[in-house]
Amino acid sequence: MKEAYVKETHAVKVGHVFPPDTNNHGTLFGGKLMSYIDDIASISAMRHSRSPVVTASTDSVDFLAPVRTGESVCLESFVTWTGTSSMEVFIKVLAENLLTGERKIAATAFLTFVAVNEEGKPVPVPGIIPETEEEIYLHETAKERVEARKKRRNASNELATVIYKGKPRG
């Protein structure tokens, strides 16, 4: 399986933020942005694996600045790291004031996807080759995130053994 360049996984999504997209503060709903993030990240993962993918985890979504009514929101995603069948995807979200041209980083996120076959079983993915300073930095720092992800998954599995599974109380 031949390695691929990060640039081959780049995906971009741009939208105009209208009042129905916003909360009572006039800013983009966090849940709506999270949906956009999962959507664009899955495209990058599929471009890399050339197979169906499933979201294994949303490692982080950090909301850094509000996206306001009337602004544009631009999401850029790309694969930063690969395991045997898993891929870490980085997403940066930019907000742009369309009247002034001012742009700001509104959010960043890391999601993990697993490539699967028609039966839903994991399949191997090619390695990834970073080229730009940003890509190299994200690739080199991925091992720390992978370890944190494993710890968090183990803790979640442990928690799942003690969580009440009956009908809601109350």
Protein backbone atom coordinates (compact mmCIF):
# COMPACT_ATOMS: atom_id res chain seq x y z
CA MET A 1 0.00 0.00 0.00
CA LYS A 2 1.56 3.26 -1.16
CA GLU A 3 1.81 6.23 1.22
CA ALA A 4 -0.03 9.42 0.26
CA TYR A 5 0.63 13.11 0.81
CA VAL A 6 -1.42 15.09 3.32
CA LYS A 7 -2.39 17.53 0.54
CA GLU A 8 -4.29 14.70 -1.17
CA THR A 9 -6.65 14.55 1.84
CA HIS A 10 -7.46 18.27 2.05
CA ALA A 11 -11.15 19.16 2.05
CA VAL A 12 -12.82 22.56 2.40
CA LYS A 13 -16.38 23.54 3.30
CA VAL A 14 -17.59 27.16 3.32
CA GLY A 15 -20.92 28.52 4.41
CA HIS A 16 -22.67 31.80 5.16
CA VAL A 17 -24.02 32.05 8.72
CA PHE A 18 -27.68 33.10 8.73
CA PRO A 19 -30.03 33.75 11.69
CA PRO A 20 -31.55 30.22 11.70
CA ASP A 21 -27.99 28.86 12.21
CA THR A 22 -27.44 30.88 15.38
CA ASN A 23 -28.37 30.88 19.04
CA ASN A 24 -29.81 33.71 21.13
CA HIS A 25 -26.34 35.35 21.23
CA GLY A 26 -26.27 35.68 17.45
CA THR A 27 -23.48 33.11 17.13
CA LEU A 28 -23.33 29.82 15.26
CA PHE A 29 -24.77 26.90 17.24
CA GLY A 30 -21.94 24.74 18.59
CA GLY A 31 -23.81 21.58 17.62
CA LYS A 32 -24.23 22.79 14.05
CA LEU A 33 -20.51 23.49 13.82
CA MET A 34 -19.76 20.04 15.26
CA SER A 35 -21.92 18.50 12.54
CA TYR A 36 -19.98 20.45 9.87
CA ILE A 37 -16.72 19.25 11.47
CA ASP A 38 -17.71 15.56 11.37
CA ASP A 39 -18.90 15.91 7.78
CA ILE A 40 -15.75 17.57 6.39
CA ALA A 41 -13.42 15.33 8.42
CA SER A 42 -15.08 12.20 7.03
CA ILE A 43 -14.38 13.44 3.50
CA SER A 44 -10.66 13.78 4.28
CA ALA A 45 -10.62 10.30 5.84
CA MET A 46 -12.37 8.77 2.83
CA ARG A 47 -10.06 10.56 0.40
CA HIS A 48 -7.13 8.97 2.18
CA SER A 49 -8.50 5.48 2.72
CA ARG A 50 -10.66 5.26 -0.42
CA SER A 51 -13.07 3.22 1.68
CA PRO A 52 -16.07 3.82 3.93
CA VAL A 53 -15.15 5.23 7.33
CA VAL A 54 -16.70 5.44 10.77
CA THR A 55 -16.07 8.11 13.38
CA ALA A 56 -14.16 6.44 16.21
CA SER A 57 -13.80 9.51 18.39
CA THR A 58 -14.08 13.24 18.54
CA ASP A 59 -10.89 13.84 20.45
CA SER A 60 -11.41 17.55 20.91
CA VAL A 61 -13.35 20.50 19.64
CA ASP A 62 -12.00 23.76 20.98
CA PHE A 63 -14.21 26.78 20.38
CA LEU A 64 -11.79 29.72 20.25
CA ALA A 65 -13.91 32.59 18.90
CA PRO A 66 -17.59 33.01 18.06
CA VAL A 67 -18.86 32.85 14.49
CA ARG A 68 -21.47 35.58 14.15
CA THR A 69 -24.55 36.03 12.00
CA GLY A 70 -23.52 37.40 8.59
CA GLU A 71 -20.01 35.98 8.71
CA SER A 72 -18.73 33.10 6.64
CA VAL A 73 -17.46 29.94 8.24
CA CYS A 74 -14.71 27.99 6.47
CA LEU A 75 -13.66 24.52 7.57
CA GLU A 76 -10.46 22.93 6.30
CA SER A 77 -9.60 19.33 7.14
CA PHE A 78 -6.79 16.91 6.41
CA VAL A 79 -5.35 13.64 7.67
CA THR A 80 -2.41 14.19 10.03
CA TRP A 81 -1.55 10.66 11.16
CA THR A 82 -2.44 7.06 10.39
CA GLY A 83 -2.39 3.79 12.29
CA THR A 84 -3.18 0.39 10.83
CA SER A 85 -6.82 1.20 10.01
CA SER A 86 -7.30 4.50 11.85
CA MET A 87 -6.72 8.08 10.77
CA GLU A 88 -6.44 11.26 12.81
CA VAL A 89 -8.02 14.22 11.02
CA PHE A 90 -7.35 17.85 11.95
CA ILE A 91 -9.99 20.49 11.30
CA LYS A 92 -9.48 24.24 11.51
CA VAL A 93 -12.45 26.55 11.43
CA LEU A 94 -12.09 30.12 10.24
CA ALA A 95 -14.68 32.84 10.58
CA GLU A 96 -14.58 35.78 8.18
CA ASN A 97 -16.32 39.12 8.49
CA LEU A 98 -17.42 39.45 4.87
CA LEU A 99 -17.64 43.24 5.09
CA THR A 100 -14.16 43.91 6.51
CA GLY A 101 -12.29 40.79 5.40
CA GLU A 102 -11.10 40.14 8.97
CA ARG A 103 -10.47 36.43 9.53
CA LYS A 104 -9.99 34.57 12.80
CA ILE A 105 -9.52 30.98 13.92
CA ALA A 106 -12.91 30.12 15.42
CA ALA A 107 -12.24 26.50 16.38
CA THR A 108 -9.90 23.55 16.02
CA ALA A 109 -10.72 19.87 16.27
CA PHE A 110 -9.21 16.41 16.07
CA LEU A 111 -11.33 13.42 15.06
CA THR A 112 -10.34 9.81 14.57
CA PHE A 113 -11.84 7.64 11.86
CA VAL A 114 -11.50 3.94 11.10
CA ALA A 115 -11.59 2.66 7.53
CA VAL A 116 -13.99 -0.25 7.13
CA ASN A 117 -15.09 -2.70 4.45
CA GLU A 118 -18.68 -3.49 3.39
CA GLU A 119 -19.10 -5.71 6.48
CA GLY A 120 -17.96 -2.92 8.80
CA LYS A 121 -14.63 -4.61 9.57
CA PRO A 122 -11.47 -2.45 9.82
CA VAL A 123 -9.24 -2.36 6.75
CA PRO A 124 -5.64 -1.09 6.41
CA VAL A 125 -4.95 2.50 5.35
CA PRO A 126 -1.83 3.89 3.70
CA GLY A 127 0.70 5.95 5.61
CA ILE A 128 0.65 9.75 5.36
CA ILE A 129 3.44 12.09 4.25
CA PRO A 130 3.38 15.65 5.63
CA GLU A 131 5.08 18.46 3.67
CA THR A 132 4.22 21.91 5.05
CA GLU A 133 5.34 23.27 8.42
CA GLU A 134 1.77 22.93 9.74
CA GLU A 135 1.42 19.34 8.47
CA ILE A 136 4.82 18.30 9.86
CA TYR A 137 4.06 19.81 13.28
CA LEU A 138 0.69 18.05 13.49
CA HIS A 139 2.21 14.77 12.31
CA GLU A 140 5.10 14.94 14.80
CA THR A 141 2.81 15.76 17.74
CA ALA A 142 0.25 13.05 16.86
CA LYS A 143 1.87 10.35 19.02
CA GLU A 144 1.02 12.33 22.18
CA ARG A 145 -2.60 12.64 21.06
CA VAL A 146 -2.75 8.93 20.20
CA GLU A 147 -1.57 8.02 23.71
CA ALA A 148 -4.07 10.43 25.30
CA ARG A 149 -6.81 8.93 23.11
CA LYS A 150 -5.95 5.40 24.26
CA LYS A 151 -6.02 6.46 27.93
CA ARG A 152 -9.35 8.23 27.47
CA ARG A 153 -10.86 5.21 25.67
CA ASN A 154 -9.71 2.87 28.45
CA ALA A 155 -11.22 5.21 31.05
CA SER A 156 -14.47 5.37 29.07
CA ASN A 157 -14.61 1.57 28.84
CA GLU A 158 -14.05 1.31 32.59
CA LEU A 159 -16.77 3.90 33.24
CA ALA A 160 -19.16 1.96 31.00
CA THR A 161 -18.88 -1.02 33.35
CA VAL A 162 -20.33 0.96 36.29
CA ILE A 163 -22.90 3.16 34.54
CA TYR A 164 -26.53 2.33 35.37
CA LYS A 165 -28.12 0.74 32.29
CA GLY A 166 -31.74 0.46 33.43
CA LYS A 167 -34.68 2.70 32.66
CA PRO A 168 -34.07 6.35 33.59
CA ARG A 169 -34.78 6.97 37.26
CA GLY A 170 -36.90 9.78 38.46
